[in-house]
């Protein structure tokens, strides 16, 4: 009888709490159930309802805790709604692996139930197992063909998997299903934008404006479309309209910052980015982009401080190393071992290894400095001054790393060392020396000619490579300048394009095995001409005469100076006068080579 009375009390409390919830009195509903739960700690239905209420106010920790209590006490066949709720919380908690386990349990217990496949598909998509996710979501759609949310989930996952054409078709089905998501037209417009279907995307955005009304986020997306297709003034108007509609939208300020940076109005971009970080102070993407503008302006202290937010930017190309050891803050590390580890690309490593002597100077008594680097750099960096041990980069198995007490991502070196202005940067070159080993002579070298090594492109997988890389076609007129001899030092996926060059161009790329080989050959050359690649940084670190070809919105490390580099004293910069204008760059390079040859001949006669 007592147990029945307790059950009645619990059910009455739940009924009353649900009434309060319907009246939007969530805090009162939660307080009521929390009080009852003190005497009924493991009651599954009570804990389930508590979890739902906490979830509705966005308090995930107690929501997850009460859901777990409910699940543990729900018996061998927990209610389907409980399983789905628990899995949904896992996804919100960014634990898709556990959500997948819940989905698998639910699928076994409740066969042919589309919601279990939907949960499993979303979990697999979060785990980036797109083929399996698509199969699960297809099952959900087959079992619930009228449910637009399953179609929406499938379309979104197809888009993530890169199957844009099919994603667009499924979004179309979703749009014509019963009770489609309100934003499905916008999602189709976004996808069409990704597919570079400008007119179709713009038409779909205009349709979305009619369906959803004039929303700030729609104008932001339309602005992105206009910017993508170089309709800059239209983009600017859209971003301004998004601000009018929602002055508190950090994304609008961020978009205006990107637009102004693209126009090289860096001071204006700086202000917009600062506004975005004021509105959303925890947004890593906003801080990271602010850092890029600060660094582009040469504001070293503020720029590298903001650059520490890079790990919170979802699009950052290098993932964070979650070591248990603390990050080094630039102090004396006597008696301790400091691991300076690689991040980003090999060019970054060449650029920032210059700080190793300053870091080594802080070893104190008994300190040890370990440098981790990419495998292709091992031969070149193995005897770097001040470094006690050089190891190959290993991001997958931290247990294979030597023991260390402190760590530092290499690009964080200026921040840790307290660099304040460009004048604080160590710029003496060469700061990189070539270890003992095989020597090379330039084959078929003409002793009277200006010997020029050249690189025309970087890694095609890099996000902005289509902007920074040029084509070997642009070099063709340079090959005919009298008094010159050209040597290809291009490596990587673009290497086969050397076949387009005339036979008189010497193919050094065939004998280059690693960066040490490249470095040795650079010492035999009079000049290196390259786009913004690792070769530019290697040549600069070696103190070789280097001409670097840059697009209009070049990387922050080249700052705003027209021709000189604060990082590499022997570098000369050639910048596009307008977006995509490589011809003007190569015209200027050709004139500079001709002048250099004349100067060399004059010196030879003197």
Protein backbone atom coordinates (compact mmCIF):
# COMPACT_ATOMS: atom_id res chain seq x y z
CA UNK A 1 0.00 0.00 0.00
CA UNK A 2 2.86 2.38 0.90
CA UNK A 3 4.58 1.74 -2.41
CA UNK A 4 1.36 2.50 -4.30
CA UNK A 5 0.96 5.74 -2.36
CA UNK A 6 4.53 6.74 -3.26
CA UNK A 7 3.85 5.94 -6.92
CA UNK A 8 0.66 8.01 -6.85
CA UNK A 9 2.56 10.93 -5.30
CA UNK A 10 5.23 10.73 -8.03
CA UNK A 11 2.69 10.53 -10.86
CA UNK A 12 0.66 13.41 -9.41
CA UNK A 13 3.82 15.49 -9.15
CA UNK A 14 4.73 14.69 -12.76
CA UNK A 15 1.24 15.64 -13.92
CA UNK A 16 1.41 18.93 -12.02
CA UNK A 17 4.93 19.61 -13.34
CA UNK A 18 3.79 19.03 -16.93
CA UNK A 19 1.01 21.49 -16.34
CA UNK A 20 3.51 24.08 -15.12
CA UNK A 21 5.65 23.32 -18.17
CA UNK A 22 2.70 23.99 -20.46
CA UNK A 23 2.29 27.32 -18.69
CA UNK A 24 6.01 27.99 -19.48
CA UNK A 25 6.88 27.84 -15.78
CA UNK A 26 9.86 25.53 -16.30
CA UNK A 27 11.76 26.56 -13.17
CA UNK A 28 8.76 25.83 -10.97
CA UNK A 29 8.21 22.47 -12.70
CA UNK A 30 11.84 21.49 -12.15
CA UNK A 31 11.79 22.60 -8.51
CA UNK A 32 8.68 20.50 -7.89
CA UNK A 33 10.19 17.33 -9.39
CA UNK A 34 13.60 17.85 -7.76
CA UNK A 35 11.85 17.98 -4.37
CA UNK A 36 9.93 14.77 -5.07
CA UNK A 37 13.04 13.05 -6.45
CA UNK A 38 14.85 13.46 -3.12
CA UNK A 39 12.68 10.63 -1.76
CA UNK A 40 12.41 8.73 -5.06
CA UNK A 41 15.97 8.91 -6.37
CA UNK A 42 15.81 6.02 -8.84
CA UNK A 43 12.26 6.34 -10.11
CA UNK A 44 12.70 5.96 -13.92
CA UNK A 45 9.71 8.00 -15.07
CA UNK A 46 10.41 10.81 -12.62
CA UNK A 47 14.08 11.03 -13.66
CA UNK A 48 13.12 10.91 -17.33
CA UNK A 49 10.77 13.87 -16.94
CA UNK A 50 13.37 15.77 -14.93
CA UNK A 51 15.90 15.12 -17.68
CA UNK A 52 13.51 16.42 -20.32
CA UNK A 53 12.86 19.61 -18.34
CA UNK A 54 16.54 20.27 -17.73
CA UNK A 55 17.16 19.64 -21.42
CA UNK A 56 14.54 22.20 -22.37
CA UNK A 57 16.36 24.93 -20.46
CA UNK A 58 19.70 23.83 -21.96
CA UNK A 59 21.20 22.51 -18.74
CA UNK A 60 22.84 19.40 -20.16
CA UNK A 61 24.73 18.11 -17.13
CA UNK A 62 21.68 17.37 -14.91
CA UNK A 63 19.66 16.41 -18.00
CA UNK A 64 22.22 13.72 -18.84
CA UNK A 65 22.57 12.59 -15.22
CA UNK A 66 18.84 12.09 -14.72
CA UNK A 67 18.48 10.37 -18.11
CA UNK A 68 21.21 7.92 -17.14
CA UNK A 69 19.52 7.19 -13.78
CA UNK A 70 16.25 6.61 -15.61
CA UNK A 71 17.90 4.30 -18.14
CA UNK A 72 19.64 2.21 -15.48
CA UNK A 73 16.37 1.65 -13.64
CA UNK A 74 14.06 1.16 -16.62
CA UNK A 75 14.58 -2.59 -16.91
CA UNK A 76 15.66 -4.75 -19.83
CA UNK A 77 13.41 -2.96 -22.32
CA UNK A 78 13.58 0.80 -21.65
CA UNK A 79 10.89 2.93 -23.30
CA UNK A 80 11.79 3.99 -26.81
CA UNK A 81 11.33 7.67 -25.98
CA UNK A 82 13.84 7.35 -23.15
CA UNK A 83 16.44 5.73 -25.39
CA UNK A 84 15.97 8.37 -28.08
CA UNK A 85 16.16 11.14 -25.50
CA UNK A 86 19.37 9.70 -24.00
CA UNK A 87 20.98 9.39 -27.44
CA UNK A 88 19.94 12.91 -28.35
CA UNK A 89 21.65 14.22 -25.21
CA UNK A 90 24.82 12.38 -26.23
CA UNK A 91 24.82 14.22 -29.53
CA UNK A 92 24.37 17.54 -27.74
CA UNK A 93 27.22 16.56 -25.42
CA UNK A 94 29.38 15.78 -28.49
CA UNK A 95 29.60 12.09 -27.61
CA UNK A 96 28.40 10.49 -30.86
CA UNK A 97 30.08 7.17 -30.07
CA UNK A 98 27.80 6.64 -27.05
CA UNK A 99 24.80 7.92 -29.02
CA UNK A 100 25.54 5.23 -31.60
CA UNK A 101 25.56 2.56 -28.87
CA UNK A 102 22.17 3.79 -27.66
CA UNK A 103 20.86 3.77 -31.23
CA UNK A 104 22.06 0.20 -31.78
CA UNK A 105 20.34 -0.92 -28.56
CA UNK A 106 17.14 0.86 -29.56
CA UNK A 107 17.21 -0.67 -33.06
CA UNK A 108 17.55 -4.17 -31.60
CA UNK A 109 14.69 -3.63 -29.13
CA UNK A 110 12.33 -1.74 -31.44
CA UNK A 111 12.68 -3.16 -34.92
CA UNK A 112 11.42 -1.22 -37.94
CA UNK A 113 11.20 1.96 -35.91
CA UNK A 114 12.53 4.84 -38.10
CA UNK A 115 13.50 7.04 -35.15
CA UNK A 116 16.20 4.58 -34.06
CA UNK A 117 17.75 4.65 -37.54
CA UNK A 118 17.55 8.42 -37.54
CA UNK A 119 19.49 8.58 -34.26
CA UNK A 120 22.06 6.10 -35.54
CA UNK A 121 22.49 8.02 -38.78
CA UNK A 122 23.04 11.32 -36.98
CA UNK A 123 25.58 9.69 -34.66
CA UNK A 124 27.48 8.14 -37.58
CA UNK A 125 27.46 11.47 -39.42
CA UNK A 126 28.92 13.16 -36.32
CA UNK A 127 31.63 10.46 -36.38
CA UNK A 128 32.21 11.36 -40.06
CA UNK A 129 31.34 7.82 -41.16
CA UNK A 130 29.20 9.19 -43.95
CA UNK A 131 28.59 6.00 -45.99
CA UNK A 132 27.20 4.17 -42.93
CA UNK A 133 25.26 7.27 -41.85
CA UNK A 134 23.63 7.53 -45.27
CA UNK A 135 22.57 3.86 -45.10
CA UNK A 136 20.97 4.37 -41.68
CA UNK A 137 19.17 7.53 -42.76
CA UNK A 138 17.97 5.87 -45.95
CA UNK A 139 16.44 3.18 -43.72
CA UNK A 140 14.72 5.89 -41.65
CA UNK A 141 13.33 7.49 -44.83
CA UNK A 142 12.11 4.11 -46.15
CA UNK A 143 10.34 3.36 -42.86
CA UNK A 144 8.94 6.90 -42.51
CA UNK A 145 8.69 8.29 -46.05
CA UNK A 146 6.36 11.14 -45.08
CA UNK A 147 8.61 12.43 -42.31
CA UNK A 148 10.39 15.50 -43.63
CA UNK A 149 12.97 15.51 -40.80
CA UNK A 150 14.41 12.19 -42.01
CA UNK A 151 14.68 13.57 -45.54
CA UNK A 152 16.33 16.69 -44.18
CA UNK A 153 18.85 14.66 -42.20
CA UNK A 154 19.65 12.50 -45.22
CA UNK A 155 20.10 15.51 -47.50
CA UNK A 156 22.37 17.22 -44.98
CA UNK A 157 24.52 14.08 -44.62
CA UNK A 158 24.77 13.65 -48.39
CA UNK A 159 25.99 17.23 -48.56
CA UNK A 160 28.60 16.54 -45.88
CA UNK A 161 29.70 13.49 -47.87
CA UNK A 162 30.16 15.67 -50.96
CA UNK A 163 27.29 14.15 -52.96
CA UNK A 164 25.81 17.55 -53.80
CA UNK A 165 23.64 16.48 -56.70
CA UNK A 166 21.80 13.82 -54.73
CA UNK A 167 21.61 16.07 -51.67
CA UNK A 168 19.83 18.68 -53.77
CA UNK A 169 17.30 16.10 -54.99
CA UNK A 170 16.59 14.92 -51.44
CA UNK A 171 16.24 18.51 -50.21
CA UNK A 172 13.66 18.91 -52.99
CA UNK A 173 11.72 15.89 -51.71
CA UNK A 174 11.95 17.33 -48.20
CA UNK A 175 10.62 20.68 -49.37
CA UNK A 176 7.56 18.98 -50.88
CA UNK A 177 6.91 16.64 -47.93
CA UNK A 178 4.39 17.16 -45.15
CA UNK A 179 5.40 19.89 -42.66
CA UNK A 180 8.83 20.60 -44.19
CA UNK A 181 11.41 22.44 -42.06
CA UNK A 182 10.94 26.18 -42.43
CA UNK A 183 14.54 26.68 -43.49
CA UNK A 184 14.72 24.00 -46.19
CA UNK A 185 14.59 26.55 -49.02
CA UNK A 186 17.52 28.39 -47.46
CA UNK A 187 19.42 25.11 -47.13
CA UNK A 188 18.87 24.46 -50.82
CA UNK A 189 20.12 27.96 -51.63
CA UNK A 190 23.24 27.37 -49.50
CA UNK A 191 23.90 24.09 -51.29
CA UNK A 192 23.44 25.67 -54.72
CA UNK A 193 25.96 28.30 -53.66
CA UNK A 194 28.46 25.56 -52.81
CA UNK A 195 27.80 24.06 -56.23
CA UNK A 196 28.70 27.42 -57.84
CA UNK A 197 25.20 27.69 -59.34
CA UNK A 198 24.97 31.42 -58.84
CA UNK A 199 21.67 32.22 -60.57
CA UNK A 200 19.84 29.22 -59.06
CA UNK A 201 21.18 30.01 -55.60
CA UNK A 202 20.18 33.67 -55.80
CA UNK A 203 16.68 32.73 -56.98
CA UNK A 204 16.33 30.27 -54.08
CA UNK A 205 17.49 32.88 -51.54
CA UNK A 206 14.86 35.29 -52.87
CA UNK A 207 12.25 32.55 -52.50
CA UNK A 208 13.46 31.96 -48.93
CA UNK A 209 13.02 35.69 -48.21
CA UNK A 210 9.38 35.41 -49.27
CA UNK A 211 8.84 32.30 -47.13
CA UNK A 212 10.75 33.32 -44.01
CA UNK A 213 10.59 37.09 -44.20
CA UNK A 214 13.54 39.47 -44.14
CA UNK A 215 15.87 37.68 -41.73
CA UNK A 216 19.38 38.80 -40.85
CA UNK A 217 20.90 35.36 -41.47
CA UNK A 218 19.38 35.20 -44.97
CA UNK A 219 21.06 38.46 -45.92
CA UNK A 220 24.33 37.15 -44.49
CA UNK A 221 24.08 34.07 -46.70
CA UNK A 222 23.18 36.14 -49.75
CA UNK A 223 26.15 38.38 -48.98
CA UNK A 224 28.39 35.32 -48.99
CA UNK A 225 27.01 34.37 -52.41
CA UNK A 226 27.69 37.82 -53.84
CA UNK A 227 31.18 37.86 -52.35
CA UNK A 228 31.91 34.42 -53.77
CA UNK A 229 31.13 35.74 -57.25
CA UNK A 230 32.97 39.04 -56.75
CA UNK A 231 29.81 41.17 -56.58
CA UNK A 232 31.40 43.01 -53.66
CA UNK A 233 29.09 46.02 -53.48
CA UNK A 234 26.03 43.75 -53.44
CA UNK A 235 27.69 41.70 -50.70
CA UNK A 236 28.35 44.86 -48.70
CA UNK A 237 24.71 45.95 -48.96
CA UNK A 238 23.52 42.51 -47.82
CA UNK A 239 25.82 42.54 -44.79
CA UNK A 240 24.69 46.05 -43.89
CA UNK A 241 21.04 44.96 -44.18
CA UNK A 242 21.74 41.99 -41.91
CA UNK A 243 23.07 44.44 -39.29
CA UNK A 244 20.00 46.65 -39.60
CA UNK A 245 17.76 43.65 -38.99
CA UNK A 246 19.85 42.31 -36.10
CA UNK A 247 22.44 44.75 -34.67
CA UNK A 248 23.45 42.09 -32.14
CA UNK A 249 24.48 39.52 -34.74
CA UNK A 250 28.21 38.97 -34.38
CA UNK A 251 28.28 37.14 -37.67
CA UNK A 252 27.32 40.30 -39.57
CA UNK A 253 30.29 42.21 -38.18
CA UNK A 254 32.50 39.22 -38.91
CA UNK A 255 31.33 39.07 -42.52
CA UNK A 256 31.95 42.78 -42.98
CA UNK A 257 35.43 42.26 -41.55
CA UNK A 258 36.17 39.54 -44.08
CA UNK A 259 34.86 41.66 -46.90
CA UNK A 260 37.00 44.65 -45.93
CA UNK A 261 40.06 42.46 -45.46
CA UNK A 262 39.49 41.20 -49.00
CA UNK A 263 39.53 44.83 -50.14
CA UNK A 264 42.73 45.38 -48.09
CA UNK A 265 40.96 47.92 -45.87
CA UNK A 266 42.67 46.34 -42.89
CA UNK A 267 41.97 49.09 -40.36
CA UNK A 268 38.25 48.92 -41.10
CA UNK A 269 38.37 45.11 -41.05
CA UNK A 270 40.09 45.30 -37.66
CA UNK A 271 37.20 47.35 -36.23
CA UNK A 272 34.54 45.01 -37.61
CA UNK A 273 36.30 41.93 -36.25
CA UNK A 274 36.72 43.59 -32.85
CA UNK A 275 32.98 44.27 -32.78
CA UNK A 276 32.26 40.62 -33.57
CA UNK A 277 34.43 39.47 -30.64
CA UNK A 278 32.77 41.96 -28.28
CA UNK A 279 29.35 40.55 -29.17
CA UNK A 280 30.49 36.90 -29.09
CA UNK A 281 33.58 36.85 -26.84
CA UNK A 282 33.86 33.05 -26.88
CA UNK A 283 33.72 32.66 -30.66
CA UNK A 284 37.11 31.27 -31.70
CA UNK A 285 36.53 31.92 -35.41
CA UNK A 286 35.99 35.63 -34.79
CA UNK A 287 39.11 35.91 -32.61
CA UNK A 288 41.21 33.96 -35.09
CA UNK A 289 40.24 36.23 -37.98
CA UNK A 290 40.94 39.27 -35.81
CA UNK A 291 44.41 37.85 -35.22
CA UNK A 292 45.05 37.55 -38.96
CA UNK A 293 44.25 41.22 -39.51
CA UNK A 294 46.33 42.30 -36.50
CA UNK A 295 49.30 40.30 -37.80
CA UNK A 296 48.77 41.60 -41.34
CA UNK A 297 49.09 45.11 -39.86
CA UNK A 298 52.28 44.11 -38.04
CA UNK A 299 50.68 44.30 -34.58
CA UNK A 300 52.70 41.37 -33.30
CA UNK A 301 51.74 41.35 -29.60
CA UNK A 302 47.98 41.68 -30.10
CA UNK A 303 48.03 39.46 -33.19
CA UNK A 304 49.73 36.47 -31.62
CA UNK A 305 47.62 36.82 -28.46
CA UNK A 306 44.47 36.52 -30.59
CA UNK A 307 46.11 33.74 -32.63
CA UNK A 308 45.96 31.53 -29.53
CA UNK A 309 42.22 31.20 -30.33
CA UNK A 310 43.06 29.21 -33.49
CA UNK A 311 42.18 25.92 -31.82
CA UNK A 312 38.60 27.11 -31.24
CA UNK A 313 38.16 27.85 -34.95
CA UNK A 314 36.41 24.87 -36.55
CA UNK A 315 38.10 25.43 -39.89
CA UNK A 316 41.64 25.53 -38.51
CA UNK A 317 43.77 23.10 -40.55
CA UNK A 318 45.74 21.60 -37.66
CA UNK A 319 44.07 19.90 -34.72
CA UNK A 320 45.01 20.65 -31.14
CA UNK A 321 47.28 18.26 -29.26
CA UNK A 322 45.50 17.60 -25.98
CA UNK A 323 48.52 16.93 -23.79
CA UNK A 324 48.07 16.63 -20.04
CA UNK A 325 51.29 18.59 -19.56
CA UNK A 326 50.87 22.39 -19.35
CA UNK A 327 51.71 24.71 -22.23
CA UNK A 328 54.98 26.57 -21.73
CA UNK A 329 54.56 30.27 -20.91
CA UNK A 330 58.03 31.53 -21.78
CA UNK A 331 59.72 31.19 -18.39
CA UNK A 332 62.90 29.38 -17.32
CA UNK A 333 62.44 25.60 -17.51
CA UNK A 334 65.42 24.46 -15.46
CA UNK A 335 65.37 20.73 -14.77
CA UNK A 336 62.42 20.19 -17.10
CA UNK A 337 61.94 18.93 -20.64
CA UNK A 338 60.13 21.14 -23.13
CA UNK A 339 58.58 19.64 -26.28
CA UNK A 340 58.14 22.13 -29.12
CA UNK A 341 55.79 20.36 -31.51
CA UNK A 342 54.85 20.80 -35.14
CA UNK A 343 51.57 22.26 -36.31
CA UNK A 344 50.17 23.34 -39.65
CA UNK A 345 52.47 23.08 -42.69
CA UNK A 346 56.17 22.71 -43.28
CA UNK A 347 56.52 26.36 -44.28
CA UNK A 348 55.28 27.35 -40.82
CA UNK A 349 57.96 25.14 -39.31
CA UNK A 350 60.72 26.80 -41.33
CA UNK A 351 59.39 30.23 -40.38
CA UNK A 352 59.09 29.62 -36.64
CA UNK A 353 62.10 27.42 -36.00
CA UNK A 354 63.99 30.75 -35.86
CA UNK A 355 62.75 31.05 -32.27
CA UNK A 356 64.45 27.85 -31.09
CA UNK A 357 67.71 29.56 -29.98
CA UNK A 358 65.70 32.00 -27.84
CA UNK A 359 63.78 29.07 -26.34
CA UNK A 360 67.01 27.11 -25.80
CA UNK A 361 68.49 30.09 -23.93
CA UNK A 362 65.82 29.59 -21.23
CA UNK A 363 66.78 25.99 -20.42
CA UNK A 364 68.52 27.05 -17.24
CA UNK A 365 70.26 24.26 -15.38
CA UNK A 366 69.36 20.75 -16.51
CA UNK A 367 66.66 21.78 -18.97
CA UNK A 368 66.13 19.82 -22.16
CA UNK A 369 64.64 20.96 -25.47
CA UNK A 370 62.96 18.52 -27.87
CA UNK A 371 61.88 19.64 -31.34
CA UNK A 372 59.21 17.68 -33.19
CA UNK A 373 59.04 18.18 -36.96
CA UNK A 374 57.42 16.75 -40.08
CA UNK A 375 59.19 13.68 -41.44
CA UNK A 376 60.48 15.39 -44.64
CA UNK A 377 62.29 17.97 -42.46
CA UNK A 378 64.14 15.48 -40.25
CA UNK A 379 67.37 15.41 -42.29
CA UNK A 380 67.55 19.19 -42.42
CA UNK A 381 66.76 19.98 -38.77
CA UNK A 382 68.52 17.11 -37.01
CA UNK A 383 71.46 19.28 -35.86
CA UNK A 384 69.59 22.51 -35.15
CA UNK A 385 71.56 24.58 -32.59
CA UNK A 386 70.32 24.45 -29.00
CA UNK A 387 68.02 21.49 -29.61
CA UNK A 388 68.81 18.34 -27.62
CA UNK A 389 66.64 15.96 -29.63
CA UNK A 390 64.76 16.11 -32.93
CA UNK A 391 61.86 13.69 -33.36
CA UNK A 392 59.40 12.92 -36.13
CA UNK A 393 55.89 14.31 -35.83
CA UNK A 394 53.43 11.85 -34.29
CA UNK A 395 49.86 13.04 -33.73
CA UNK A 396 48.18 9.64 -33.52
CA UNK A 397 50.03 7.92 -30.67
CA UNK A 398 51.24 10.26 -27.90
CA UNK A 399 52.61 7.24 -26.00
CA UNK A 400 55.44 7.07 -28.55
CA UNK A 401 56.67 10.55 -27.66
CA UNK A 402 59.64 10.90 -25.28
CA UNK A 403 58.84 12.06 -21.76
CA UNK A 404 58.36 15.80 -21.37
CA UNK A 405 57.09 18.23 -18.73
CA UNK A 406 55.98 21.18 -20.84
CA UNK A 407 54.86 21.62 -24.43
CA UNK A 408 54.60 24.44 -26.95
CA UNK A 409 52.97 24.50 -30.40
CA UNK A 410 55.73 26.02 -32.53
CA UNK A 411 53.60 28.87 -33.90
CA UNK A 412 52.88 29.94 -30.30
CA UNK A 413 56.58 30.74 -29.81
CA UNK A 414 56.29 34.54 -30.40
CA UNK A 415 53.38 34.71 -27.93
CA UNK A 416 55.22 32.69 -25.27
CA UNK A 417 58.40 34.72 -25.74
CA UNK A 418 56.56 38.03 -25.40
CA UNK A 419 57.23 39.46 -28.86
CA UNK A 420 55.67 42.94 -28.93
CA UNK A 421 56.61 44.54 -32.26
CA UNK A 422 58.15 43.49 -35.56
CA UNK A 423 61.43 44.90 -34.23
CA UNK A 424 61.49 42.14 -31.62
CA UNK A 425 61.44 39.38 -34.24
CA UNK A 426 64.73 37.54 -34.79
CA UNK A 427 65.48 38.25 -38.46
CA UNK A 428 69.19 37.45 -38.81
CA UNK A 429 69.74 35.04 -41.70
CA UNK A 430 70.69 32.39 -42.31
CA UNK A 431 69.27 30.85 -39.16
CA UNK A 432 69.10 27.47 -40.83
CA UNK A 433 72.29 25.58 -41.67
CA UNK A 434 72.60 22.44 -43.76
CA UNK A 435 73.81 19.33 -41.89
CA UNK A 436 76.74 17.35 -43.29
CA UNK A 437 75.81 14.94 -46.04
CA UNK A 438 75.75 14.48 -49.81
CA UNK A 439 76.58 17.47 -51.99
CA UNK A 440 75.08 18.21 -55.40
CA UNK A 441 76.25 20.20 -58.37
CA UNK A 442 73.87 21.89 -60.74
CA UNK A 443 73.77 19.73 -63.87
CA UNK A 444 74.58 21.50 -67.13
CA UNK A 445 75.04 24.79 -65.29
CA UNK A 446 76.11 27.77 -67.38
CA UNK A 447 78.71 29.66 -65.31
CA UNK A 448 77.89 32.94 -67.05
CA UNK A 449 74.10 32.74 -66.65
CA UNK A 450 71.90 33.94 -63.82
CA UNK A 451 70.84 30.59 -62.34
CA UNK A 452 67.21 30.72 -61.22
CA UNK A 453 65.30 28.01 -59.34
CA UNK A 454 61.53 28.25 -59.57
CA UNK A 455 58.32 26.86 -58.07
CA UNK A 456 54.91 27.66 -59.52
CA UNK A 457 52.46 26.12 -57.07
CA UNK A 458 51.77 24.67 -53.65
CA UNK A 459 49.65 21.83 -52.32
CA UNK A 460 46.33 21.79 -54.25
CA UNK A 461 44.61 20.55 -51.07
CA UNK A 462 45.26 23.85 -49.30
CA UNK A 463 42.08 25.93 -48.97
CA UNK A 464 43.25 29.05 -50.83
CA UNK A 465 45.63 27.30 -53.20
CA UNK A 466 43.62 28.41 -56.22
CA UNK A 467 44.57 31.96 -55.28
CA UNK A 468 48.18 31.56 -54.13
CA UNK A 469 49.41 29.16 -56.84
CA UNK A 470 50.11 30.19 -60.39
CA UNK A 471 50.72 28.14 -63.56
CA UNK A 472 53.91 27.18 -65.32
CA UNK A 473 52.49 28.90 -68.43
CA UNK A 474 53.27 32.29 -66.89
CA UNK A 475 56.96 31.35 -66.63
CA UNK A 476 57.32 30.56 -70.33
CA UNK A 477 58.37 34.11 -71.43
CA UNK A 478 60.93 34.24 -68.59
CA UNK A 479 62.71 31.16 -69.92
CA UNK A 480 63.73 33.16 -73.02
CA UNK A 481 65.33 36.10 -71.21
CA UNK A 482 68.98 36.22 -72.38
CA UNK A 483 71.60 35.50 -69.76
CA UNK A 484 69.38 33.25 -67.62
CA UNK A 485 69.16 29.55 -66.90
CA UNK A 486 66.11 28.11 -65.15
CA UNK A 487 66.00 25.09 -62.82
CA UNK A 488 62.76 23.48 -61.69
CA UNK A 489 62.67 22.70 -57.96
CA UNK A 490 58.91 22.05 -57.95
CA UNK A 491 57.85 18.99 -55.95
CA UNK A 492 54.48 17.45 -55.16
CA UNK A 493 51.29 16.91 -57.17
CA UNK A 494 52.13 19.67 -59.67
CA UNK A 495 55.54 18.21 -60.52
CA UNK A 496 54.39 16.52 -63.79
CA UNK A 497 53.48 19.95 -65.20
CA UNK A 498 57.21 20.52 -65.83
CA UNK A 499 56.65 18.60 -69.05
CA UNK A 500 55.14 21.82 -70.44
CA UNK A 501 58.49 23.63 -70.07
CA UNK A 502 61.08 23.67 -72.88
CA UNK A 503 63.97 21.20 -72.77
CA UNK A 504 66.47 23.90 -71.82
CA UNK A 505 64.82 24.18 -68.39
CA UNK A 506 66.84 21.89 -66.09
CA UNK A 507 64.70 19.41 -64.12
CA UNK A 508 66.23 19.43 -60.63
CA UNK A 509 63.01 18.04 -59.16
CA UNK A 510 64.03 14.54 -60.28
CA UNK A 511 67.02 14.47 -57.90
CA UNK A 512 65.32 16.08 -54.88
CA UNK A 513 64.39 13.50 -52.23
CA UNK A 514 63.85 15.76 -49.21
CA UNK A 515 64.18 19.34 -48.05
CA UNK A 516 67.89 18.91 -47.33
CA UNK A 517 68.40 18.21 -51.02
CA UNK A 518 66.37 21.32 -51.87
CA UNK A 519 68.43 23.38 -49.45
CA UNK A 520 71.75 22.15 -50.91
CA UNK A 521 70.63 22.99 -54.44
CA UNK A 522 69.45 26.44 -53.34
CA UNK A 523 73.02 27.29 -52.29
CA UNK A 524 74.10 26.73 -55.91
CA UNK A 525 71.41 29.02 -57.34
CA UNK A 526 71.64 32.79 -57.73
CA UNK A 527 67.94 33.32 -57.20
CA UNK A 528 64.79 31.43 -56.14
CA UNK A 529 61.39 32.48 -57.51
CA UNK A 530 58.37 30.90 -55.86
CA UNK A 531 54.77 31.38 -54.87
CA UNK A 532 53.77 31.33 -51.18
CA UNK A 533 54.94 27.79 -50.39
CA UNK A 534 57.30 26.03 -47.99
CA UNK A 535 60.09 26.68 -50.51
CA UNK A 536 59.72 30.42 -49.91
CA UNK A 537 60.27 29.93 -46.18
CA UNK A 538 63.17 27.53 -46.68
CA UNK A 539 64.95 29.92 -49.05
CA UNK A 540 64.32 32.81 -46.65
CA UNK A 541 65.60 30.81 -43.66
CA UNK A 542 68.78 30.01 -45.62
CA UNK A 543 69.24 33.68 -46.45
CA UNK A 544 69.06 33.04 -50.20
CA UNK A 545 67.92 35.77 -52.63
CA UNK A 546 64.23 34.94 -53.00
CA UNK A 547 61.40 36.49 -55.00
CA UNK A 548 57.97 35.57 -53.69
CA UNK A 549 54.90 35.93 -55.90
CA UNK A 550 51.77 36.85 -53.96
CA UNK A 551 48.07 37.20 -54.71
CA UNK A 552 46.17 40.31 -53.60
CA UNK A 553 44.96 38.93 -50.25
CA UNK A 554 48.19 37.16 -49.39
CA UNK A 555 48.79 35.43 -46.09
CA UNK A 556 49.27 37.54 -42.94
CA UNK A 557 52.98 36.77 -42.70
CA UNK A 558 53.75 38.96 -45.73
CA UNK A 559 52.17 41.99 -44.05
CA UNK A 560 51.30 45.07 -46.11
CA UNK A 561 54.76 46.19 -47.21
CA UNK A 562 54.90 46.40 -51.02
CA UNK A 563 58.16 44.54 -51.61
CA UNK A 564 60.04 43.78 -48.38
CA UNK A 565 59.48 41.12 -45.72
CA UNK A 566 59.97 41.64 -41.98
CA UNK A 567 60.56 37.91 -41.66
CA UNK A 568 63.11 37.39 -44.44
CA UNK A 569 65.58 40.21 -45.23
CA UNK A 570 66.72 38.58 -48.50
CA UNK A 571 63.19 38.24 -49.90
CA UNK A 572 61.54 40.53 -52.42
CA UNK A 573 57.77 40.45 -52.78
CA UNK A 574 55.84 40.77 -56.03
CA UNK A 575 52.13 41.37 -55.44
CA UNK A 576 49.14 41.16 -57.75
CA UNK A 577 47.81 44.69 -58.42
CA UNK A 578 44.30 43.24 -58.63
CA UNK A 579 42.65 39.90 -57.95
CA UNK A 580 43.93 37.16 -60.23
CA UNK A 581 46.28 39.42 -62.20
CA UNK A 582 49.31 37.16 -62.43
CA UNK A 583 50.29 38.64 -65.79
CA UNK A 584 51.25 41.96 -64.21
CA UNK A 585 53.27 40.08 -61.59
CA UNK A 586 55.23 38.17 -64.22
CA UNK A 587 55.74 41.31 -66.31
CA UNK A 588 57.35 42.90 -63.25
CA UNK A 589 59.41 39.77 -62.55
CA UNK A 590 60.61 39.68 -66.16
CA UNK A 591 61.72 43.31 -65.99
CA UNK A 592 63.48 42.66 -62.67
CA UNK A 593 65.31 39.61 -64.06
CA UNK A 594 66.47 41.62 -67.09
CA UNK A 595 67.79 44.33 -64.76
CA UNK A 596 69.49 41.70 -62.59
CA UNK A 597 71.22 40.13 -65.61
CA UNK A 598 72.44 43.55 -66.75
CA UNK A 599 73.78 44.25 -63.27
CA UNK A 600 75.54 40.87 -63.18
CA UNK A 601 77.18 41.49 -66.58
CA UNK A 602 78.26 44.94 -65.49
CA UNK A 603 79.86 43.50 -62.35
CA UNK A 604 81.62 40.81 -64.40
CA UNK A 605 83.22 43.45 -66.66
CA UNK A 606 84.34 45.64 -63.75
